[in-house]
Amino acid sequence: MNRYQIFLIFWIIGFLGGITGYIILPSIINIFNSIVPNLFSKFLLESLLAGIIGSGISTIAILFWAKKSSKEF
């Protein structure tokens, strides 16, 4: 696969993951606020959760791609 195609695929996966994370973020924040109220500010909690979601999606995508490309060789 061409390097630019791989970059484009991972960019699209990350973009879609960010949109998905932004959509489900309010419900996740409400769950955390009910469990541990007033421990984190809303901005810090949103940024932490968005980072976790983004890194998880990109890690899963890279692992899937590496596993798939290792079978080709």
PDB file of N, CA and C in Angstrom:
ATOM      1  N   MET A   1       0.836  -1.168   0.000  1.00  0.00           N
ATOM      2  CA  MET A   1       0.000   0.000   0.000  1.00  0.00           C
ATOM      3  C   MET A   1       0.890   1.243   0.000  1.00  0.00           C
ATOM      4  N   ASN A   2       0.437   2.262  -0.663  1.00  0.00           N
ATOM      5  CA  ASN A   2       1.173   3.499  -0.726  1.00  0.00           C
ATOM      6  C   ASN A   2       1.165   4.184   0.646  1.00  0.00           C
ATOM      7  N   ARG A   3       2.250   4.843   0.982  1.00  0.00           N
ATOM      8  CA  ARG A   3       2.379   5.500   2.281  1.00  0.00           C
ATOM      9  C   ARG A   3       1.307   6.567   2.478  1.00  0.00           C
ATOM     10  N   TYR A   4       1.007   7.325   1.435  1.00  0.00           N
ATOM     11  CA  TYR A   4       0.003   8.377   1.553  1.00  0.00           C
ATOM     12  C   TYR A   4      -1.397   7.802   1.745  1.00  0.00           C
ATOM     13  N   GLN A   5      -1.668   6.656   1.162  1.00  0.00           N
ATOM     14  CA  GLN A   5      -2.959   6.014   1.372  1.00  0.00           C
ATOM     15  C   GLN A   5      -3.099   5.553   2.818  1.00  0.00           C
ATOM     16  N   ILE A   6      -2.024   5.055   3.387  1.00  0.00           N
ATOM     17  CA  ILE A   6      -2.046   4.621   4.785  1.00  0.00           C
ATOM     18  C   ILE A   6      -2.269   5.811   5.701  1.00  0.00           C
ATOM     19  N   PHE A   7      -1.565   6.927   5.448  1.00  0.00           N
ATOM     20  CA  PHE A   7      -1.774   8.131   6.248  1.00  0.00           C
ATOM     21  C   PHE A   7      -3.220   8.613   6.143  1.00  0.00           C
ATOM     22  N   LEU A   8      -3.771   8.573   4.942  1.00  0.00           N
ATOM     23  CA  LEU A   8      -5.143   9.012   4.733  1.00  0.00           C
ATOM     24  C   LEU A   8      -6.128   8.109   5.476  1.00  0.00           C
ATOM     25  N   ILE A   9      -5.895   6.807   5.435  1.00  0.00           N
ATOM     26  CA  ILE A   9      -6.783   5.869   6.131  1.00  0.00           C
ATOM     27  C   ILE A   9      -6.751   6.111   7.632  1.00  0.00           C
ATOM     28  N   PHE A  10      -5.549   6.275   8.204  1.00  0.00           N
ATOM     29  CA  PHE A  10      -5.463   6.508   9.651  1.00  0.00           C
ATOM     30  C   PHE A  10      -6.007   7.877  10.032  1.00  0.00           C
ATOM     31  N   TRP A  11      -5.876   8.863   9.145  1.00  0.00           N
ATOM     32  CA  TRP A  11      -6.448  10.170   9.413  1.00  0.00           C
ATOM     33  C   TRP A  11      -7.967  10.068   9.447  1.00  0.00           C
ATOM     34  N   ILE A  12      -8.548   9.350   8.502  1.00  0.00           N
ATOM     35  CA  ILE A  12     -10.000   9.186   8.458  1.00  0.00           C
ATOM     36  C   ILE A  12     -10.495   8.423   9.682  1.00  0.00           C
ATOM     37  N   ILE A  13      -9.771   7.368  10.072  1.00  0.00           N
ATOM     38  CA  ILE A  13     -10.160   6.602  11.261  1.00  0.00           C
ATOM     39  C   ILE A  13     -10.107   7.489  12.504  1.00  0.00           C
ATOM     40  N   GLY A  14      -9.058   8.266  12.641  1.00  0.00           N
ATOM     41  CA  GLY A  14      -8.953   9.172  13.785  1.00  0.00           C
ATOM     42  C   GLY A  14     -10.020  10.250  13.778  1.00  0.00           C
ATOM     43  N   PHE A  15     -10.330  10.779  12.593  1.00  0.00           N
ATOM     44  CA  PHE A  15     -11.366  11.798  12.469  1.00  0.00           C
ATOM     45  C   PHE A  15     -12.729  11.244  12.864  1.00  0.00           C
ATOM     46  N   LEU A  16     -13.058  10.071  12.346  1.00  0.00           N
ATOM     47  CA  LEU A  16     -14.343   9.448  12.693  1.00  0.00           C
ATOM     48  C   LEU A  16     -14.393   9.075  14.171  1.00  0.00           C
ATOM     49  N   GLY A  17     -13.259   8.631  14.717  1.00  0.00           N
ATOM     50  CA  GLY A  17     -13.207   8.323  16.144  1.00  0.00           C
ATOM     51  C   GLY A  17     -13.399   9.564  16.996  1.00  0.00           C
ATOM     52  N   GLY A  18     -12.841  10.684  16.554  1.00  0.00           N
ATOM     53  CA  GLY A  18     -13.028  11.938  17.285  1.00  0.00           C
ATOM     54  C   GLY A  18     -14.468  12.402  17.261  1.00  0.00           C
ATOM     55  N   ILE A  19     -15.121  12.266  16.118  1.00  0.00           N
ATOM     56  CA  ILE A  19     -16.533  12.631  16.018  1.00  0.00           C
ATOM     57  C   ILE A  19     -17.378  11.735  16.929  1.00  0.00           C
ATOM     58  N   THR A  20     -17.091  10.438  16.892  1.00  0.00           N
ATOM     59  CA  THR A  20     -17.829   9.499  17.739  1.00  0.00           C
ATOM     60  C   THR A  20     -17.605   9.813  19.218  1.00  0.00           C
ATOM     61  N   GLY A  21     -16.360  10.089  19.570  1.00  0.00           N
ATOM     62  CA  GLY A  21     -16.062  10.437  20.951  1.00  0.00           C
ATOM     63  C   GLY A  21     -16.756  11.712  21.394  1.00  0.00           C
ATOM     64  N   TYR A  22     -16.835  12.692  20.499  1.00  0.00           N
ATOM     65  CA  TYR A  22     -17.508  13.947  20.827  1.00  0.00           C
ATOM     66  C   TYR A  22     -19.004  13.735  21.026  1.00  0.00           C
ATOM     67  N   ILE A  23     -19.580  12.830  20.257  1.00  0.00           N
ATOM     68  CA  ILE A  23     -21.013  12.572  20.372  1.00  0.00           C
ATOM     69  C   ILE A  23     -21.347  11.850  21.679  1.00  0.00           C
ATOM     70  N   ILE A  24     -20.517  10.869  22.061  1.00  0.00           N
ATOM     71  CA  ILE A  24     -20.827  10.093  23.274  1.00  0.00           C
ATOM     72  C   ILE A  24     -20.213  10.697  24.536  1.00  0.00           C
ATOM     73  N   LEU A  25     -19.429  11.756  24.399  1.00  0.00           N
ATOM     74  CA  LEU A  25     -18.748  12.343  25.547  1.00  0.00           C
ATOM     75  C   LEU A  25     -19.681  12.842  26.638  1.00  0.00           C
ATOM     76  N   PRO A  26     -20.790  13.531  26.333  1.00  0.00           N
ATOM     77  CA  PRO A  26     -21.658  14.008  27.424  1.00  0.00           C
ATOM     78  C   PRO A  26     -22.204  12.897  28.309  1.00  0.00           C
ATOM     79  N   SER A  27     -22.554  11.760  27.733  1.00  0.00           N
ATOM     80  CA  SER A  27     -23.071  10.676  28.571  1.00  0.00           C
ATOM     81  C   SER A  27     -21.976  10.084  29.440  1.00  0.00           C
ATOM     82  N   ILE A  28     -20.763   9.993  28.910  1.00  0.00           N
ATOM     83  CA  ILE A  28     -19.651   9.469  29.712  1.00  0.00           C
ATOM     84  C   ILE A  28     -19.319  10.423  30.851  1.00  0.00           C
ATOM     85  N   ILE A  29     -19.360  11.718  30.573  1.00  0.00           N
ATOM     86  CA  ILE A  29     -19.066  12.714  31.615  1.00  0.00           C
ATOM     87  C   ILE A  29     -20.113  12.659  32.724  1.00  0.00           C
ATOM     88  N   ASN A  30     -21.366  12.476  32.365  1.00  0.00           N
ATOM     89  CA  ASN A  30     -22.411  12.365  33.395  1.00  0.00           C
ATOM     90  C   ASN A  30     -22.190  11.151  34.275  1.00  0.00           C
ATOM     91  N   ILE A  31     -21.730  10.049  33.702  1.00  0.00           N
ATOM     92  CA  ILE A  31     -21.448   8.846  34.495  1.00  0.00           C
ATOM     93  C   ILE A  31     -20.302   9.113  35.460  1.00  0.00           C
ATOM     94  N   PHE A  32     -19.224   9.734  34.973  1.00  0.00           N
ATOM     95  CA  PHE A  32     -18.082  10.023  35.845  1.00  0.00           C
ATOM     96  C   PHE A  32     -18.443  11.045  36.920  1.00  0.00           C
ATOM     97  N   ASN A  33     -19.249  12.042  36.581  1.00  0.00           N
ATOM     98  CA  ASN A  33     -19.655  13.027  37.581  1.00  0.00           C
ATOM     99  C   ASN A  33     -20.540  12.414  38.651  1.00  0.00           C
ATOM    100  N   SER A  34     -21.318  11.412  38.305  1.00  0.00           N
ATOM    101  CA  SER A  34     -22.143  10.762  39.328  1.00  0.00           C
ATOM    102  C   SER A  34     -21.306   9.854  40.226  1.00  0.00           C
ATOM    103  N   ILE A  35     -20.231   9.268  39.663  1.00  0.00           N
ATOM    104  CA  ILE A  35     -19.371   8.388  40.460  1.00  0.00           C
ATOM    105  C   ILE A  35     -18.452   9.207  41.359  1.00  0.00           C
ATOM    106  N   VAL A  36     -17.773  10.180  40.762  1.00  0.00           N
ATOM    107  CA  VAL A  36     -16.804  10.994  41.500  1.00  0.00           C
ATOM    108  C   VAL A  36     -17.129  12.471  41.256  1.00  0.00           C
ATOM    109  N   PRO A  37     -18.026  13.033  42.027  1.00  0.00           N
ATOM    110  CA  PRO A  37     -18.402  14.435  41.789  1.00  0.00           C
ATOM    111  C   PRO A  37     -17.301  15.399  42.234  1.00  0.00           C
ATOM    112  N   ASN A  38     -17.122  16.451  41.461  1.00  0.00           N
ATOM    113  CA  ASN A  38     -16.229  17.576  41.772  1.00  0.00           C
ATOM    114  C   ASN A  38     -14.764  17.186  41.912  1.00  0.00           C
ATOM    115  N   LEU A  39     -14.343  16.061  41.373  1.00  0.00           N
ATOM    116  CA  LEU A  39     -12.935  15.701  41.439  1.00  0.00           C
ATOM    117  C   LEU A  39     -12.156  16.377  40.313  1.00  0.00           C
ATOM    118  N   PHE A  40     -12.732  16.400  39.136  1.00  0.00           N
ATOM    119  CA  PHE A  40     -12.095  17.019  37.984  1.00  0.00           C
ATOM    120  C   PHE A  40     -12.983  18.135  37.455  1.00  0.00           C
ATOM    121  N   SER A  41     -12.351  19.113  36.822  1.00  0.00           N
ATOM    122  CA  SER A  41     -13.154  20.106  36.118  1.00  0.00           C
ATOM    123  C   SER A  41     -13.711  19.484  34.853  1.00  0.00           C
ATOM    124  N   LYS A  42     -14.763  20.067  34.310  1.00  0.00           N
ATOM    125  CA  LYS A  42     -15.403  19.509  33.128  1.00  0.00           C
ATOM    126  C   LYS A  42     -14.444  19.522  31.942  1.00  0.00           C
ATOM    127  N   PHE A  43     -13.674  20.594  31.789  1.00  0.00           N
ATOM    128  CA  PHE A  43     -12.729  20.697  30.675  1.00  0.00           C
ATOM    129  C   PHE A  43     -11.647  19.619  30.764  1.00  0.00           C
ATOM    130  N   LEU A  44     -11.094  19.409  31.944  1.00  0.00           N
ATOM    131  CA  LEU A  44     -10.054  18.393  32.120  1.00  0.00           C
ATOM    132  C   LEU A  44     -10.614  17.000  31.856  1.00  0.00           C
ATOM    133  N   LEU A  45     -11.795  16.726  32.348  1.00  0.00           N
ATOM    134  CA  LEU A  45     -12.406  15.417  32.137  1.00  0.00           C
ATOM    135  C   LEU A  45     -12.705  15.175  30.658  1.00  0.00           C
ATOM    136  N   GLU A  46     -13.210  16.204  29.962  1.00  0.00           N
ATOM    137  CA  GLU A  46     -13.478  16.066  28.531  1.00  0.00           C
ATOM    138  C   GLU A  46     -12.209  15.809  27.748  1.00  0.00           C
ATOM    139  N   SER A  47     -11.144  16.540  28.065  1.00  0.00           N
ATOM    140  CA  SER A  47      -9.887  16.357  27.326  1.00  0.00           C
ATOM    141  C   SER A  47      -9.258  14.999  27.619  1.00  0.00           C
ATOM    142  N   LEU A  48      -9.335  14.538  28.848  1.00  0.00           N
ATOM    143  CA  LEU A  48      -8.795  13.217  29.180  1.00  0.00           C
ATOM    144  C   LEU A  48      -9.552  12.109  28.451  1.00  0.00           C
ATOM    145  N   LEU A  49     -10.865  12.186  28.462  1.00  0.00           N
ATOM    146  CA  LEU A  49     -11.667  11.159  27.799  1.00  0.00           C
ATOM    147  C   LEU A  49     -11.479  11.189  26.284  1.00  0.00           C
ATOM    148  N   ALA A  50     -11.386  12.376  25.696  1.00  0.00           N
ATOM    149  CA  ALA A  50     -11.156  12.470  24.258  1.00  0.00           C
ATOM    150  C   ALA A  50      -9.789  11.895  23.893  1.00  0.00           C
ATOM    151  N   GLY A  51      -8.780  12.145  24.717  1.00  0.00           N
ATOM    152  CA  GLY A  51      -7.461  11.580  24.471  1.00  0.00           C
ATOM    153  C   GLY A  51      -7.449  10.069  24.582  1.00  0.00           C
ATOM    154  N   ILE A  52      -8.135   9.534  25.564  1.00  0.00           N
ATOM    155  CA  ILE A  52      -8.205   8.086  25.738  1.00  0.00           C
ATOM    156  C   ILE A  52      -8.925   7.438  24.557  1.00  0.00           C
ATOM    157  N   ILE A  53     -10.034   8.026  24.138  1.00  0.00           N
ATOM    158  CA  ILE A  53     -10.778   7.474  23.008  1.00  0.00           C
ATOM    159  C   ILE A  53      -9.949   7.534  21.734  1.00  0.00           C
ATOM    160  N   GLY A  54      -9.320   8.673  21.481  1.00  0.00           N
ATOM    161  CA  GLY A  54      -8.505   8.818  20.271  1.00  0.00           C
ATOM    162  C   GLY A  54      -7.313   7.888  20.239  1.00  0.00           C
ATOM    163  N   SER A  55      -6.623   7.776  21.365  1.00  0.00           N
ATOM    164  CA  SER A  55      -5.463   6.886  21.391  1.00  0.00           C
ATOM    165  C   SER A  55      -5.881   5.424  21.291  1.00  0.00           C
ATOM    166  N   GLY A  56      -7.007   5.077  21.880  1.00  0.00           N
ATOM    167  CA  GLY A  56      -7.484   3.698  21.772  1.00  0.00           C
ATOM    168  C   GLY A  56      -7.854   3.331  20.351  1.00  0.00           C
ATOM    169  N   ILE A  57      -8.546   4.223  19.672  1.00  0.00           N
ATOM    170  CA  ILE A  57      -8.946   3.947  18.294  1.00  0.00           C
ATOM    171  C   ILE A  57      -7.727   3.850  17.391  1.00  0.00           C
ATOM    172  N   SER A  58      -6.776   4.771  17.536  1.00  0.00           N
ATOM    173  CA  SER A  58      -5.592   4.711  16.670  1.00  0.00           C
ATOM    174  C   SER A  58      -4.742   3.489  16.973  1.00  0.00           C
ATOM    175  N   THR A  59      -4.635   3.101  18.234  1.00  0.00           N
ATOM    176  CA  THR A  59      -3.861   1.909  18.582  1.00  0.00           C
ATOM    177  C   THR A  59      -4.505   0.655  18.012  1.00  0.00           C
ATOM    178  N   ILE A  60      -5.810   0.547  18.126  1.00  0.00           N
ATOM    179  CA  ILE A  60      -6.502  -0.616  17.570  1.00  0.00           C
ATOM    180  C   ILE A  60      -6.359  -0.657  16.056  1.00  0.00           C
ATOM    181  N   ALA A  61      -6.454   0.496  15.414  1.00  0.00           N
ATOM    182  CA  ALA A  61      -6.316   0.543  13.960  1.00  0.00           C
ATOM    183  C   ALA A  61      -4.912   0.127  13.517  1.00  0.00           C
ATOM    184  N   ILE A  62      -3.893   0.596  14.208  1.00  0.00           N
ATOM    185  CA  ILE A  62      -2.518   0.238  13.852  1.00  0.00           C
ATOM    186  C   ILE A  62      -2.254  -1.239  14.106  1.00  0.00           C
ATOM    187  N   LEU A  63      -2.764  -1.767  15.214  1.00  0.00           N
ATOM    188  CA  LEU A  63      -2.583  -3.189  15.491  1.00  0.00           C
ATOM    189  C   LEU A  63      -3.283  -4.054  14.449  1.00  0.00           C
ATOM    190  N   PHE A  64      -4.477  -3.656  14.043  1.00  0.00           N
ATOM    191  CA  PHE A  64      -5.198  -4.390  13.013  1.00  0.00           C
ATOM    192  C   PHE A  64      -4.427  -4.361  11.699  1.00  0.00           C
ATOM    193  N   TRP A  65      -3.921  -3.181  11.338  1.00  0.00           N
ATOM    194  CA  TRP A  65      -3.166  -3.043  10.095  1.00  0.00           C
ATOM    195  C   TRP A  65      -1.863  -3.852  10.144  1.00  0.00           C
ATOM    196  N   ALA A  66      -1.173  -3.815  11.289  1.00  0.00           N
ATOM    197  CA  ALA A  66       0.082  -4.566  11.409  1.00  0.00           C
ATOM    198  C   ALA A  66      -0.166  -6.062  11.329  1.00  0.00           C
ATOM    199  N   LYS A  67      -1.235  -6.534  11.935  1.00  0.00           N
ATOM    200  CA  LYS A  67      -1.546  -7.950  11.892  1.00  0.00           C
ATOM    201  C   LYS A  67      -1.917  -8.371  10.473  1.00  0.00           C
ATOM    202  N   LYS A  68      -2.655  -7.529   9.767  1.00  0.00           N
ATOM    203  CA  LYS A  68      -3.060  -7.836   8.411  1.00  0.00           C
ATOM    204  C   LYS A  68      -1.852  -7.812   7.470  1.00  0.00           C
ATOM    205  N   SER A  69      -0.968  -6.832   7.623  1.00  0.00           N
ATOM    206  CA  SER A  69       0.180  -6.735   6.720  1.00  0.00           C
ATOM    207  C   SER A  69       1.236  -7.796   7.024  1.00  0.00           C
ATOM    208  N   SER A  70       1.267  -8.321   8.258  1.00  0.00           N
ATOM    209  CA  SER A  70       2.254  -9.351   8.565  1.00  0.00           C
ATOM    210  C   SER A  70       1.910 -10.674   7.889  1.00  0.00           C
ATOM    211  N   LYS A  71       0.646 -10.895   7.569  1.00  0.00           N
ATOM    212  CA  LYS A  71       0.241 -12.119   6.879  1.00  0.00           C
ATOM    213  C   LYS A  71       0.635 -12.078   5.412  1.00  0.00           C
ATOM    214  N   GLU A  72       0.864 -10.894   4.864  1.00  0.00           N
ATOM    215  CA  GLU A  72       1.205 -10.759   3.462  1.00  0.00           C
ATOM    216  C   GLU A  72       2.646 -11.173   3.178  1.00  0.00           C
ATOM    217  N   PHE A  73       3.501 -11.127   4.196  1.00  0.00           N
ATOM    218  CA  PHE A  73       4.924 -11.423   3.990  1.00  0.00           C
ATOM    219  C   PHE A  73       5.267 -12.841   4.339  1.00  0.00           C
TER     220      PHE A  73
END
